[in-house]
Amino acid sequence: MGERGRKKTVSDAEILRQFALDPAPFMHPTELTETLDMSRQGVYKRLKDLEEQGLLESKKAADTRNWWITDEGRRYLSERS
């Protein structure tokens, strides 16, 4: 089966780069919607996909989920830079 939904216009590396460049240890999806010009729903889906690949991790606290880049995500990014 093919992928559902819209075609990816923002690469995985672009998303991971936002995490690598941000001085904070984690990010909330709404921070990425503005920088990447993506919908909140689109960002959330992509973050979940990246987490399934082991490139990001997340934790839910106080009714919000925050994400951070893993060592594997940093390796992935360095291989594509």
PDB file of N, CA and C in Angstrom:
ATOM      1  N   MET A   1       0.829  -1.189   0.000  1.00  0.00           N
ATOM      2  CA  MET A   1       0.000   0.000   0.000  1.00  0.00           C
ATOM      3  C   MET A   1       0.871   1.249   0.000  1.00  0.00           C
ATOM      4  N   GLY A   2       0.398   2.285  -0.662  1.00  0.00           N
ATOM      5  CA  GLY A   2       1.120   3.548  -0.696  1.00  0.00           C
ATOM      6  C   GLY A   2       0.856   4.368   0.557  1.00  0.00           C
ATOM      7  N   GLU A   3       1.624   5.448   0.683  1.00  0.00           N
ATOM      8  CA  GLU A   3       1.435   6.332   1.826  1.00  0.00           C
ATOM      9  C   GLU A   3       0.152   7.118   1.659  1.00  0.00           C
ATOM     10  N   ARG A   4      -0.512   7.368   2.761  1.00  0.00           N
ATOM     11  CA  ARG A   4      -1.738   8.153   2.738  1.00  0.00           C
ATOM     12  C   ARG A   4      -1.416   9.598   3.065  1.00  0.00           C
ATOM     13  N   GLY A   5      -2.337  10.463   2.721  1.00  0.00           N
ATOM     14  CA  GLY A   5      -2.193  11.868   3.069  1.00  0.00           C
ATOM     15  C   GLY A   5      -1.404  12.637   2.032  1.00  0.00           C
ATOM     16  N   ARG A   6      -1.033  13.851   2.418  1.00  0.00           N
ATOM     17  CA  ARG A   6      -0.300  14.727   1.514  1.00  0.00           C
ATOM     18  C   ARG A   6       1.129  14.259   1.304  1.00  0.00           C
ATOM     19  N   LYS A   7       1.682  14.677   0.185  1.00  0.00           N
ATOM     20  CA  LYS A   7       3.079  14.404  -0.110  1.00  0.00           C
ATOM     21  C   LYS A   7       3.941  15.213   0.859  1.00  0.00           C
ATOM     22  N   LYS A   8       5.031  14.620   1.335  1.00  0.00           N
ATOM     23  CA  LYS A   8       5.935  15.325   2.238  1.00  0.00           C
ATOM     24  C   LYS A   8       6.636  16.448   1.475  1.00  0.00           C
ATOM     25  N   THR A   9       6.493  17.670   1.966  1.00  0.00           N
ATOM     26  CA  THR A   9       7.203  18.783   1.356  1.00  0.00           C
ATOM     27  C   THR A   9       8.360  19.230   2.243  1.00  0.00           C
ATOM     28  N   VAL A  10       8.346  18.815   3.493  1.00  0.00           N
ATOM     29  CA  VAL A  10       9.420  19.100   4.428  1.00  0.00           C
ATOM     30  C   VAL A  10      10.100  17.773   4.729  1.00  0.00           C
ATOM     31  N   SER A  11      11.404  17.728   4.527  1.00  0.00           N
ATOM     32  CA  SER A  11      12.127  16.474   4.719  1.00  0.00           C
ATOM     33  C   SER A  11      12.295  16.147   6.203  1.00  0.00           C
ATOM     34  N   ASP A  12      12.563  14.884   6.479  1.00  0.00           N
ATOM     35  CA  ASP A  12      12.855  14.463   7.848  1.00  0.00           C
ATOM     36  C   ASP A  12      14.067  15.221   8.380  1.00  0.00           C
ATOM     37  N   ALA A  13      15.072  15.406   7.525  1.00  0.00           N
ATOM     38  CA  ALA A  13      16.291  16.116   7.947  1.00  0.00           C
ATOM     39  C   ALA A  13      15.971  17.557   8.346  1.00  0.00           C
ATOM     40  N   GLU A  14      15.059  18.211   7.628  1.00  0.00           N
ATOM     41  CA  GLU A  14      14.680  19.583   7.978  1.00  0.00           C
ATOM     42  C   GLU A  14      14.038  19.636   9.363  1.00  0.00           C
ATOM     43  N   ILE A  15      13.202  18.659   9.656  1.00  0.00           N
ATOM     44  CA  ILE A  15      12.551  18.611  10.970  1.00  0.00           C
ATOM     45  C   ILE A  15      13.592  18.354  12.052  1.00  0.00           C
ATOM     46  N   LEU A  16      14.439  17.376  11.840  1.00  0.00           N
ATOM     47  CA  LEU A  16      15.471  17.053  12.829  1.00  0.00           C
ATOM     48  C   LEU A  16      16.434  18.224  13.034  1.00  0.00           C
ATOM     49  N   ARG A  17      16.728  18.956  11.972  1.00  0.00           N
ATOM     50  CA  ARG A  17      17.618  20.116  12.072  1.00  0.00           C
ATOM     51  C   ARG A  17      17.056  21.148  13.037  1.00  0.00           C
ATOM     52  N   GLN A  18      15.740  21.322  13.056  1.00  0.00           N
ATOM     53  CA  GLN A  18      15.119  22.269  13.984  1.00  0.00           C
ATOM     54  C   GLN A  18      15.416  21.882  15.436  1.00  0.00           C
ATOM     55  N   PHE A  19      15.369  20.584  15.713  1.00  0.00           N
ATOM     56  CA  PHE A  19      15.680  20.101  17.066  1.00  0.00           C
ATOM     57  C   PHE A  19      17.149  20.302  17.396  1.00  0.00           C
ATOM     58  N   ALA A  20      18.003  20.003  16.435  1.00  0.00           N
ATOM     59  CA  ALA A  20      19.452  20.104  16.662  1.00  0.00           C
ATOM     60  C   ALA A  20      19.893  21.552  16.872  1.00  0.00           C
ATOM     61  N   LEU A  21      19.245  22.494  16.211  1.00  0.00           N
ATOM     62  CA  LEU A  21      19.638  23.899  16.301  1.00  0.00           C
ATOM     63  C   LEU A  21      19.026  24.633  17.487  1.00  0.00           C
ATOM     64  N   ASP A  22      17.941  24.110  18.019  1.00  0.00           N
ATOM     65  CA  ASP A  22      17.256  24.784  19.123  1.00  0.00           C
ATOM     66  C   ASP A  22      18.054  24.598  20.413  1.00  0.00           C
ATOM     67  N   PRO A  23      18.271  25.663  21.171  1.00  0.00           N
ATOM     68  CA  PRO A  23      19.039  25.539  22.414  1.00  0.00           C
ATOM     69  C   PRO A  23      18.295  24.796  23.536  1.00  0.00           C
ATOM     70  N   ALA A  24      16.968  24.716  23.428  1.00  0.00           N
ATOM     71  CA  ALA A  24      16.187  24.006  24.449  1.00  0.00           C
ATOM     72  C   ALA A  24      16.371  22.497  24.283  1.00  0.00           C
ATOM     73  N   PRO A  25      16.269  21.746  25.367  1.00  0.00           N
ATOM     74  CA  PRO A  25      16.452  20.292  25.271  1.00  0.00           C
ATOM     75  C   PRO A  25      15.275  19.568  24.617  1.00  0.00           C
ATOM     76  N   PHE A  26      14.130  20.237  24.497  1.00  0.00           N
ATOM     77  CA  PHE A  26      12.952  19.618  23.875  1.00  0.00           C
ATOM     78  C   PHE A  26      12.123  20.691  23.198  1.00  0.00           C
ATOM     79  N   MET A  27      11.198  20.235  22.343  1.00  0.00           N
ATOM     80  CA  MET A  27      10.315  21.163  21.631  1.00  0.00           C
ATOM     81  C   MET A  27       8.886  20.640  21.665  1.00  0.00           C
ATOM     82  N   HIS A  28       7.956  21.571  21.558  1.00  0.00           N
ATOM     83  CA  HIS A  28       6.534  21.254  21.455  1.00  0.00           C
ATOM     84  C   HIS A  28       6.152  21.399  19.978  1.00  0.00           C
ATOM     85  N   PRO A  29       5.249  20.562  19.471  1.00  0.00           N
ATOM     86  CA  PRO A  29       4.881  20.622  18.054  1.00  0.00           C
ATOM     87  C   PRO A  29       4.471  22.007  17.559  1.00  0.00           C
ATOM     88  N   THR A  30       3.829  22.811  18.404  1.00  0.00           N
ATOM     89  CA  THR A  30       3.396  24.136  17.946  1.00  0.00           C
ATOM     90  C   THR A  30       4.589  25.028  17.594  1.00  0.00           C
ATOM     91  N   GLU A  31       5.741  24.793  18.212  1.00  0.00           N
ATOM     92  CA  GLU A  31       6.929  25.565  17.864  1.00  0.00           C
ATOM     93  C   GLU A  31       7.354  25.285  16.426  1.00  0.00           C
ATOM     94  N   LEU A  32       7.108  24.081  15.964  1.00  0.00           N
ATOM     95  CA  LEU A  32       7.530  23.688  14.622  1.00  0.00           C
ATOM     96  C   LEU A  32       6.555  24.126  13.540  1.00  0.00           C
ATOM     97  N   THR A  33       5.293  24.322  13.898  1.00  0.00           N
ATOM     98  CA  THR A  33       4.299  24.687  12.879  1.00  0.00           C
ATOM     99  C   THR A  33       4.669  25.999  12.195  1.00  0.00           C
ATOM    100  N   GLU A  34       5.156  26.955  12.959  1.00  0.00           N
ATOM    101  CA  GLU A  34       5.511  28.252  12.393  1.00  0.00           C
ATOM    102  C   GLU A  34       6.800  28.164  11.582  1.00  0.00           C
ATOM    103  N   THR A  35       7.808  27.515  12.124  1.00  0.00           N
ATOM    104  CA  THR A  35       9.109  27.446  11.456  1.00  0.00           C
ATOM    105  C   THR A  35       9.049  26.649  10.167  1.00  0.00           C
ATOM    106  N   LEU A  36       8.274  25.579  10.160  1.00  0.00           N
ATOM    107  CA  LEU A  36       8.237  24.676   9.015  1.00  0.00           C
ATOM    108  C   LEU A  36       7.051  24.919   8.091  1.00  0.00           C
ATOM    109  N   ASP A  37       6.183  25.851   8.440  1.00  0.00           N
ATOM    110  CA  ASP A  37       4.983  26.149   7.654  1.00  0.00           C
ATOM    111  C   ASP A  37       4.169  24.879   7.402  1.00  0.00           C
ATOM    112  N   MET A  38       3.881  24.175   8.499  1.00  0.00           N
ATOM    113  CA  MET A  38       3.077  22.950   8.456  1.00  0.00           C
ATOM    114  C   MET A  38       1.938  23.087   9.450  1.00  0.00           C
ATOM    115  N   SER A  39       0.882  22.323   9.235  1.00  0.00           N
ATOM    116  CA  SER A  39      -0.229  22.321  10.182  1.00  0.00           C
ATOM    117  C   SER A  39       0.196  21.592  11.454  1.00  0.00           C
ATOM    118  N   ARG A  40      -0.496  21.863  12.524  1.00  0.00           N
ATOM    119  CA  ARG A  40      -0.206  21.193  13.796  1.00  0.00           C
ATOM    120  C   ARG A  40      -0.382  19.682  13.650  1.00  0.00           C
ATOM    121  N   GLN A  41      -1.446  19.289  12.972  1.00  0.00           N
ATOM    122  CA  GLN A  41      -1.724  17.869  12.755  1.00  0.00           C
ATOM    123  C   GLN A  41      -0.621  17.228  11.909  1.00  0.00           C
ATOM    124  N   GLY A  42      -0.170  17.932  10.877  1.00  0.00           N
ATOM    125  CA  GLY A  42       0.903  17.420  10.025  1.00  0.00           C
ATOM    126  C   GLY A  42       2.208  17.257  10.781  1.00  0.00           C
ATOM    127  N   VAL A  43       2.535  18.251  11.609  1.00  0.00           N
ATOM    128  CA  VAL A  43       3.755  18.179  12.410  1.00  0.00           C
ATOM    129  C   VAL A  43       3.673  17.005  13.371  1.00  0.00           C
ATOM    130  N   TYR A  44       2.550  16.864  14.057  1.00  0.00           N
ATOM    131  CA  TYR A  44       2.398  15.799  15.042  1.00  0.00           C
ATOM    132  C   TYR A  44       2.571  14.419  14.392  1.00  0.00           C
ATOM    133  N   LYS A  45       1.978  14.234  13.210  1.00  0.00           N
ATOM    134  CA  LYS A  45       2.104  12.950  12.519  1.00  0.00           C
ATOM    135  C   LYS A  45       3.559  12.672  12.158  1.00  0.00           C
ATOM    136  N   ARG A  46       4.242  13.680  11.654  1.00  0.00           N
ATOM    137  CA  ARG A  46       5.642  13.487  11.269  1.00  0.00           C
ATOM    138  C   ARG A  46       6.518  13.208  12.485  1.00  0.00           C
ATOM    139  N   LEU A  47       6.242  13.862  13.613  1.00  0.00           N
ATOM    140  CA  LEU A  47       7.013  13.610  14.830  1.00  0.00           C
ATOM    141  C   LEU A  47       6.804  12.176  15.303  1.00  0.00           C
ATOM    142  N   LYS A  48       5.571  11.696  15.225  1.00  0.00           N
ATOM    143  CA  LYS A  48       5.292  10.308  15.604  1.00  0.00           C
ATOM    144  C   LYS A  48       6.042   9.342  14.687  1.00  0.00           C
ATOM    145  N   ASP A  49       6.073   9.638  13.384  1.00  0.00           N
ATOM    146  CA  ASP A  49       6.806   8.797  12.436  1.00  0.00           C
ATOM    147  C   ASP A  49       8.297   8.771  12.766  1.00  0.00           C
ATOM    148  N   LEU A  50       8.853   9.942  13.075  1.00  0.00           N
ATOM    149  CA  LEU A  50      10.277  10.022  13.409  1.00  0.00           C
ATOM    150  C   LEU A  50      10.578   9.296  14.722  1.00  0.00           C
ATOM    151  N   GLU A  51       9.621   9.328  15.639  1.00  0.00           N
ATOM    152  CA  GLU A  51       9.797   8.601  16.897  1.00  0.00           C
ATOM    153  C   GLU A  51       9.791   7.094  16.635  1.00  0.00           C
ATOM    154  N   GLU A  52       8.913   6.637  15.770  1.00  0.00           N
ATOM    155  CA  GLU A  52       8.863   5.206  15.438  1.00  0.00           C
ATOM    156  C   GLU A  52      10.170   4.737  14.798  1.00  0.00           C
ATOM    157  N   GLN A  53      10.854   5.637  14.100  1.00  0.00           N
ATOM    158  CA  GLN A  53      12.136   5.317  13.479  1.00  0.00           C
ATOM    159  C   GLN A  53      13.297   5.419  14.464  1.00  0.00           C
ATOM    160  N   GLY A  54      13.025   5.902  15.683  1.00  0.00           N
ATOM    161  CA  GLY A  54      14.068   6.035  16.694  1.00  0.00           C
ATOM    162  C   GLY A  54      14.873   7.318  16.585  1.00  0.00           C
ATOM    163  N   LEU A  55      14.398   8.265  15.777  1.00  0.00           N
ATOM    164  CA  LEU A  55      15.132   9.509  15.570  1.00  0.00           C
ATOM    165  C   LEU A  55      14.730  10.598  16.559  1.00  0.00           C
ATOM    166  N   LEU A  56      13.552  10.465  17.139  1.00  0.00           N
ATOM    167  CA  LEU A  56      13.060  11.361  18.188  1.00  0.00           C
ATOM    168  C   LEU A  56      12.504  10.523  19.328  1.00  0.00           C
ATOM    169  N   GLU A  57      12.399  11.139  20.492  1.00  0.00           N
ATOM    170  CA  GLU A  57      11.688  10.545  21.628  1.00  0.00           C
ATOM    171  C   GLU A  57      10.727  11.602  22.150  1.00  0.00           C
ATOM    172  N   SER A  58       9.732  11.157  22.911  1.00  0.00           N
ATOM    173  CA  SER A  58       8.774  12.107  23.465  1.00  0.00           C
ATOM    174  C   SER A  58       8.309  11.650  24.840  1.00  0.00           C
ATOM    175  N   LYS A  59       7.732  12.619  25.536  1.00  0.00           N
ATOM    176  CA  LYS A  59       7.147  12.323  26.843  1.00  0.00           C
ATOM    177  C   LYS A  59       5.972  13.267  27.034  1.00  0.00           C
ATOM    178  N   LYS A  60       4.885  12.701  27.551  1.00  0.00           N
ATOM    179  CA  LYS A  60       3.705  13.508  27.841  1.00  0.00           C
ATOM    180  C   LYS A  60       3.748  13.913  29.304  1.00  0.00           C
ATOM    181  N   ALA A  61       3.560  15.209  29.541  1.00  0.00           N
ATOM    182  CA  ALA A  61       3.528  15.735  30.905  1.00  0.00           C
ATOM    183  C   ALA A  61       2.551  16.908  30.919  1.00  0.00           C
ATOM    184  N   ALA A  62       1.711  16.934  31.921  1.00  0.00           N
ATOM    185  CA  ALA A  62       0.734  18.020  32.081  1.00  0.00           C
ATOM    186  C   ALA A  62      -0.081  18.234  30.803  1.00  0.00           C
ATOM    187  N   ASP A  63      -0.609  17.159  30.265  1.00  0.00           N
ATOM    188  CA  ASP A  63      -1.482  17.197  29.088  1.00  0.00           C
ATOM    189  C   ASP A  63      -0.822  17.743  27.824  1.00  0.00           C
ATOM    190  N   THR A  64       0.487  17.712  27.765  1.00  0.00           N
ATOM    191  CA  THR A  64       1.186  18.119  26.549  1.00  0.00           C
ATOM    192  C   THR A  64       2.334  17.159  26.280  1.00  0.00           C
ATOM    193  N   ARG A  65       2.638  16.945  25.030  1.00  0.00           N
ATOM    194  CA  ARG A  65       3.723  16.033  24.654  1.00  0.00           C
ATOM    195  C   ARG A  65       4.873  16.865  24.106  1.00  0.00           C
ATOM    196  N   ASN A  66       6.067  16.620  24.627  1.00  0.00           N
ATOM    197  CA  ASN A  66       7.273  17.288  24.162  1.00  0.00           C
ATOM    198  C   ASN A  66       8.197  16.262  23.531  1.00  0.00           C
ATOM    199  N   TRP A  67       9.008  16.706  22.573  1.00  0.00           N
ATOM    200  CA  TRP A  67       9.853  15.839  21.769  1.00  0.00           C
ATOM    201  C   TRP A  67      11.299  16.299  21.834  1.00  0.00           C
ATOM    202  N   TRP A  68      12.231  15.376  21.684  1.00  0.00           N
ATOM    203  CA  TRP A  68      13.648  15.712  21.603  1.00  0.00           C
ATOM    204  C   TRP A  68      14.332  14.740  20.658  1.00  0.00           C
ATOM    205  N   ILE A  69      15.461  15.183  20.128  1.00  0.00           N
ATOM    206  CA  ILE A  69      16.205  14.383  19.163  1.00  0.00           C
ATOM    207  C   ILE A  69      17.068  13.354  19.896  1.00  0.00           C
ATOM    208  N   THR A  70      17.149  12.169  19.357  1.00  0.00           N
ATOM    209  CA  THR A  70      17.961  11.101  19.940  1.00  0.00           C
ATOM    210  C   THR A  70      19.367  11.127  19.327  1.00  0.00           C
ATOM    211  N   ASP A  71      20.262  10.333  19.898  1.00  0.00           N
ATOM    212  CA  ASP A  71      21.595  10.190  19.314  1.00  0.00           C
ATOM    213  C   ASP A  71      21.490   9.645  17.898  1.00  0.00           C
ATOM    214  N   GLU A  72      20.565   8.712  17.688  1.00  0.00           N
ATOM    215  CA  GLU A  72      20.342   8.155  16.353  1.00  0.00           C
ATOM    216  C   GLU A  72      19.858   9.245  15.396  1.00  0.00           C
ATOM    217  N   GLY A  73      19.008  10.135  15.882  1.00  0.00           N
ATOM    218  CA  GLY A  73      18.542  11.255  15.071  1.00  0.00           C
ATOM    219  C   GLY A  73      19.678  12.190  14.691  1.00  0.00           C
ATOM    220  N   ARG A  74      20.598  12.426  15.617  1.00  0.00           N
ATOM    221  CA  ARG A  74      21.765  13.268  15.320  1.00  0.00           C
ATOM    222  C   ARG A  74      22.668  12.600  14.286  1.00  0.00           C
ATOM    223  N   ARG A  75      22.842  11.274  14.391  1.00  0.00           N
ATOM    224  CA  ARG A  75      23.636  10.546  13.390  1.00  0.00           C
ATOM    225  C   ARG A  75      22.981  10.641  12.011  1.00  0.00           C
ATOM    226  N   TYR A  76      21.677  10.427  11.975  1.00  0.00           N
ATOM    227  CA  TYR A  76      20.917  10.521  10.727  1.00  0.00           C
ATOM    228  C   TYR A  76      21.138  11.884  10.086  1.00  0.00           C
ATOM    229  N   LEU A  77      21.037  12.930  10.918  1.00  0.00           N
ATOM    230  CA  LEU A  77      21.188  14.294  10.431  1.00  0.00           C
ATOM    231  C   LEU A  77      22.611  14.552   9.936  1.00  0.00           C
ATOM    232  N   SER A  78      23.605  14.087  10.662  1.00  0.00           N
ATOM    233  CA  SER A  78      24.996  14.328  10.254  1.00  0.00           C
ATOM    234  C   SER A  78      25.336  13.613   8.953  1.00  0.00           C
ATOM    235  N   GLU A  79      24.698  12.473   8.696  1.00  0.00           N
ATOM    236  CA  GLU A  79      24.933  11.736   7.454  1.00  0.00           C
ATOM    237  C   GLU A  79      24.324  12.429   6.248  1.00  0.00           C
ATOM    238  N   ARG A  80      23.374  13.331   6.491  1.00  0.00           N
ATOM    239  CA  ARG A  80      22.682  14.010   5.392  1.00  0.00           C
ATOM    240  C   ARG A  80      23.054  15.474   5.267  1.00  0.00           C
ATOM    241  N   SER A  81      24.024  15.901   6.042  1.00  0.00           N
ATOM    242  CA  SER A  81      24.445  17.322   5.982  1.00  0.00           C
ATOM    243  C   SER A  81      25.589  17.519   5.035  1.00  0.00           C
TER     244      SER A  81
END
